[in-house]
Amino acid sequence: MGALKKLIEEGKIKYIGLSEASPDTIKRAHVVHPITAIQLEWSLWTRDVEEKVIPTCRELANGIAPFCPLGKGFFTSGPQIVEKLSENDFRKTVPRFHLENVEHNKMLYELTVPRFHLENVEHNKMLYELLALAWVHHQGEDVSPIPGTTKIEHFNQIVKALSVKLTPEAMAEIESIATADVVKGERYLKEYMANTWRFAST
């Protein structure tokens, strides 16, 4: 952080951001220099950041940039995504995509059926991914989701989530379904979890 602060003072960079930082790390970094944005995983099936990380970001006025807001593609394709993964797709190693967990996790996908009142979106055309992405987008003006895509047509599709309006009642119902402990399986293999905010102190 000291080196990054010096780069800002020299005019070589404008902002500092952190990824997968724990609340303690964020606070210690903030003492050296304000953080512009914190990148973290936040979606309907990764909500543990809401307990401590999100409050810390808002206490220090950090921007929040959620990656994988579509659950690494789970809310785009549903449980069928496992069948579509190529042999070298890293998601094959992700416990949440292991067959023993997919059967349970598909309930989250199926229960978030678009039965809510959504302005500007016809129910029969509503996609799961729009609902999931709109939910993240509705978390606050300090939140800027960064969904991944490799195709322009998919990009054009997910941009539609910006026009989805979720009522407070819809938000409450979605959150009652997608509780923090509803998903089975970690988001990475055990050896990689050590690099995530929950286990990182530096």
Protein backbone atom coordinates (compact mmCIF):
# COMPACT_ATOMS: atom_id res chain seq x y z
CA MET A 1 0.00 0.00 0.00
CA GLY A 2 2.88 2.34 0.73
CA ALA A 3 4.32 1.72 -2.74
CA LEU A 4 0.90 2.24 -4.36
CA LYS A 5 0.39 5.46 -2.43
CA LYS A 6 3.74 6.70 -3.72
CA LEU A 7 2.69 5.92 -7.30
CA ILE A 8 -0.44 8.02 -6.82
CA GLU A 9 1.62 10.90 -5.42
CA GLU A 10 3.89 10.66 -8.46
CA GLY A 11 0.87 10.79 -10.77
CA LYS A 12 1.57 7.35 -12.24
CA ILE A 13 -1.74 5.82 -11.15
CA LYS A 14 -5.03 7.36 -10.08
CA TYR A 15 -6.75 4.75 -7.93
CA ILE A 16 -6.11 1.73 -5.72
CA GLY A 17 -8.33 -1.34 -5.60
CA LEU A 18 -8.15 -4.62 -3.71
CA SER A 19 -9.54 -8.05 -4.54
CA GLU A 20 -10.67 -10.76 -2.10
CA ALA A 21 -9.56 -8.61 0.84
CA SER A 22 -10.71 -9.36 4.36
CA PRO A 23 -12.30 -6.62 6.51
CA ASP A 24 -9.08 -6.40 8.53
CA THR A 25 -6.97 -6.01 5.39
CA ILE A 26 -9.30 -3.33 4.02
CA LYS A 27 -9.13 -1.34 7.24
CA ARG A 28 -5.34 -1.56 7.50
CA ALA A 29 -4.96 -0.56 3.85
CA HIS A 30 -7.32 2.38 4.32
CA VAL A 31 -5.07 3.79 7.03
CA VAL A 32 -2.31 4.12 4.43
CA HIS A 33 -4.50 5.40 1.58
CA PRO A 34 -8.24 5.34 0.75
CA ILE A 35 -9.30 2.40 -1.41
CA THR A 36 -11.39 3.23 -4.47
CA ALA A 37 -12.94 -0.20 -4.98
CA ILE A 38 -13.05 -3.67 -3.51
CA GLN A 39 -13.52 -6.59 -5.87
CA LEU A 40 -15.29 -9.57 -4.32
CA GLU A 41 -17.52 -12.47 -5.25
CA TRP A 42 -21.17 -11.63 -4.61
CA SER A 43 -24.21 -13.32 -6.10
CA LEU A 44 -27.37 -15.17 -5.14
CA TRP A 45 -25.24 -18.16 -4.22
CA THR A 46 -22.30 -16.33 -2.64
CA ARG A 47 -23.63 -14.06 0.08
CA ASP A 48 -21.15 -14.51 2.94
CA VAL A 49 -19.58 -11.11 2.16
CA GLU A 50 -22.74 -9.41 3.41
CA GLU A 51 -21.90 -10.15 7.04
CA LYS A 52 -18.64 -8.21 7.41
CA VAL A 53 -17.00 -7.27 4.10
CA ILE A 54 -19.83 -5.20 2.63
CA PRO A 55 -20.40 -3.24 5.88
CA THR A 56 -16.65 -2.52 6.04
CA CYS A 57 -16.65 -1.27 2.45
CA ARG A 58 -19.56 1.04 3.17
CA GLU A 59 -18.07 2.27 6.42
CA LEU A 60 -14.98 3.38 4.49
CA ALA A 61 -16.88 4.50 1.35
CA ASN A 62 -15.25 1.90 -0.89
CA GLY A 63 -16.83 1.10 -4.23
CA ILE A 64 -17.94 -2.53 -4.52
CA ALA A 65 -17.24 -4.53 -7.69
CA PRO A 66 -18.81 -8.00 -7.47
CA PHE A 67 -17.32 -10.58 -9.81
CA CYS A 68 -19.18 -13.76 -10.80
CA PRO A 69 -22.59 -12.15 -10.15
CA LEU A 70 -24.08 -14.95 -12.25
CA GLY A 71 -22.55 -17.69 -10.14
CA LYS A 72 -19.83 -18.61 -12.66
CA GLY A 73 -22.56 -19.20 -15.23
CA PHE A 74 -24.90 -21.18 -12.97
CA PHE A 75 -27.67 -18.58 -13.31
CA THR A 76 -27.19 -18.47 -17.06
CA SER A 77 -27.50 -22.18 -17.79
CA GLY A 78 -28.77 -23.70 -14.55
CA PRO A 79 -27.73 -27.19 -13.39
CA GLN A 80 -27.32 -28.23 -17.05
CA ILE A 81 -24.13 -26.17 -17.11
CA VAL A 82 -22.20 -29.15 -15.73
CA GLU A 83 -22.93 -31.10 -18.91
CA LYS A 84 -21.67 -28.21 -21.05
CA LEU A 85 -18.30 -27.71 -19.37
CA SER A 86 -15.27 -28.69 -21.41
CA GLU A 87 -12.63 -30.95 -19.92
CA ASN A 88 -10.24 -28.06 -19.30
CA ASP A 89 -12.86 -25.73 -17.78
CA PHE A 90 -11.68 -24.75 -14.29
CA ARG A 91 -15.27 -24.93 -13.03
CA LYS A 92 -15.02 -28.71 -13.17
CA THR A 93 -12.84 -28.38 -10.07
CA VAL A 94 -15.28 -26.10 -8.24
CA PRO A 95 -17.08 -28.09 -5.51
CA ARG A 96 -20.38 -26.33 -6.20
CA PHE A 97 -20.38 -27.83 -9.68
CA HIS A 98 -19.63 -31.36 -8.49
CA LEU A 99 -22.51 -33.70 -9.24
CA GLU A 100 -23.14 -34.50 -5.56
CA ASN A 101 -23.78 -30.80 -4.91
CA VAL A 102 -25.51 -29.80 -8.14
CA GLU A 103 -28.60 -31.82 -7.29
CA HIS A 104 -29.04 -29.73 -4.14
CA ASN A 105 -27.96 -26.40 -5.64
CA LYS A 106 -30.39 -26.65 -8.54
CA MET A 107 -33.17 -25.88 -6.05
CA LEU A 108 -31.84 -22.33 -5.79
CA TYR A 109 -32.06 -21.99 -9.56
CA GLU A 110 -35.54 -23.49 -9.76
CA LEU A 111 -36.97 -21.51 -6.83
CA THR A 112 -35.91 -18.17 -8.27
CA VAL A 113 -38.48 -18.55 -11.03
CA PRO A 114 -39.53 -15.13 -12.35
CA ARG A 115 -42.79 -14.92 -10.47
CA PHE A 116 -42.05 -11.45 -9.14
CA HIS A 117 -43.38 -8.11 -10.27
CA LEU A 118 -40.67 -6.87 -12.61
CA GLU A 119 -41.12 -3.54 -14.33
CA ASN A 120 -40.17 -3.29 -18.00
CA VAL A 121 -39.75 -7.06 -18.36
CA GLU A 122 -42.35 -9.47 -19.63
CA HIS A 123 -42.63 -12.50 -17.37
CA ASN A 124 -42.59 -14.99 -20.21
CA LYS A 125 -39.33 -13.54 -21.50
CA MET A 126 -37.59 -13.18 -18.13
CA LEU A 127 -34.31 -15.03 -17.89
CA TYR A 128 -32.78 -16.37 -14.70
CA GLU A 129 -29.58 -14.51 -15.41
CA LEU A 130 -31.38 -11.18 -15.64
CA LEU A 131 -33.05 -11.79 -12.30
CA ALA A 132 -29.78 -12.85 -10.65
CA LEU A 133 -27.82 -9.93 -12.12
CA ALA A 134 -30.55 -7.40 -11.34
CA TRP A 135 -30.52 -8.58 -7.72
CA VAL A 136 -26.81 -7.75 -7.41
CA HIS A 137 -27.27 -4.46 -9.23
CA HIS A 138 -30.06 -3.48 -6.82
CA GLN A 139 -27.76 -3.80 -3.79
CA GLY A 140 -26.86 -0.12 -3.93
CA GLU A 141 -25.45 2.73 -5.97
CA ASP A 142 -21.98 1.80 -4.73
CA VAL A 143 -22.23 -1.62 -6.42
CA SER A 144 -20.98 -2.21 -9.99
CA PRO A 145 -21.29 -5.89 -10.98
CA ILE A 146 -18.77 -7.27 -13.46
CA PRO A 147 -20.33 -10.29 -15.18
CA GLY A 148 -18.05 -12.20 -17.49
CA THR A 149 -18.81 -13.04 -21.09
CA THR A 150 -16.95 -13.95 -24.25
CA LYS A 151 -19.74 -13.23 -26.75
CA ILE A 152 -21.16 -9.87 -27.79
CA GLU A 153 -24.68 -11.29 -28.05
CA HIS A 154 -24.50 -12.45 -24.44
CA PHE A 155 -23.17 -9.04 -23.41
CA ASN A 156 -26.15 -7.39 -25.08
CA GLN A 157 -28.43 -9.77 -23.23
CA ILE A 158 -27.05 -9.20 -19.75
CA VAL A 159 -27.03 -5.43 -20.22
CA LYS A 160 -30.82 -5.73 -20.15
CA ALA A 161 -30.52 -6.41 -16.43
CA LEU A 162 -29.95 -2.67 -15.98
CA SER A 163 -33.57 -2.08 -16.97
CA VAL A 164 -35.02 -4.70 -14.63
CA LYS A 165 -36.76 -3.10 -11.67
CA LEU A 166 -37.14 -5.30 -8.60
CA THR A 167 -39.69 -4.23 -6.03
CA PRO A 168 -38.74 -4.34 -2.33
CA GLU A 169 -41.14 -7.27 -1.99
CA ALA A 170 -39.36 -9.15 -4.78
CA MET A 171 -35.96 -8.45 -3.23
CA ALA A 172 -37.16 -9.73 0.14
CA GLU A 173 -38.61 -12.89 -1.40
CA ILE A 174 -35.48 -13.62 -3.42
CA GLU A 175 -33.30 -13.14 -0.34
CA SER A 176 -35.51 -15.44 1.73
CA ILE A 177 -34.81 -18.15 -0.85
CA ALA A 178 -31.14 -17.46 -1.48
CA THR A 179 -29.89 -17.36 2.09
CA ALA A 180 -26.16 -17.38 2.79
CA ASP A 181 -26.12 -21.06 3.76
CA VAL A 182 -28.42 -22.50 1.09
CA VAL A 183 -25.65 -23.56 -1.31
CA LYS A 184 -23.64 -26.75 -0.92
CA GLY A 185 -19.95 -26.82 -1.77
CA GLU A 186 -17.20 -24.22 -1.48
CA ARG A 187 -16.61 -21.79 -4.33
CA TYR A 188 -13.09 -23.11 -4.90
CA LEU A 189 -11.05 -26.18 -4.02
CA LYS A 190 -9.69 -26.18 -0.48
CA GLU A 191 -6.16 -25.26 -1.54
CA TYR A 192 -7.43 -22.17 -3.37
CA MET A 193 -9.79 -21.06 -0.62
CA ALA A 194 -6.73 -19.91 1.35
CA ASN A 195 -6.46 -17.03 -1.16
CA THR A 196 -10.00 -15.78 -0.54
CA TRP A 197 -10.98 -12.99 1.83
CA ARG A 198 -12.27 -15.30 4.56
CA PHE A 199 -8.84 -16.82 5.11
CA ALA A 200 -6.65 -13.91 4.06
CA SER A 201 -5.13 -11.54 6.60
CA THR A 202 -2.57 -9.86 4.36
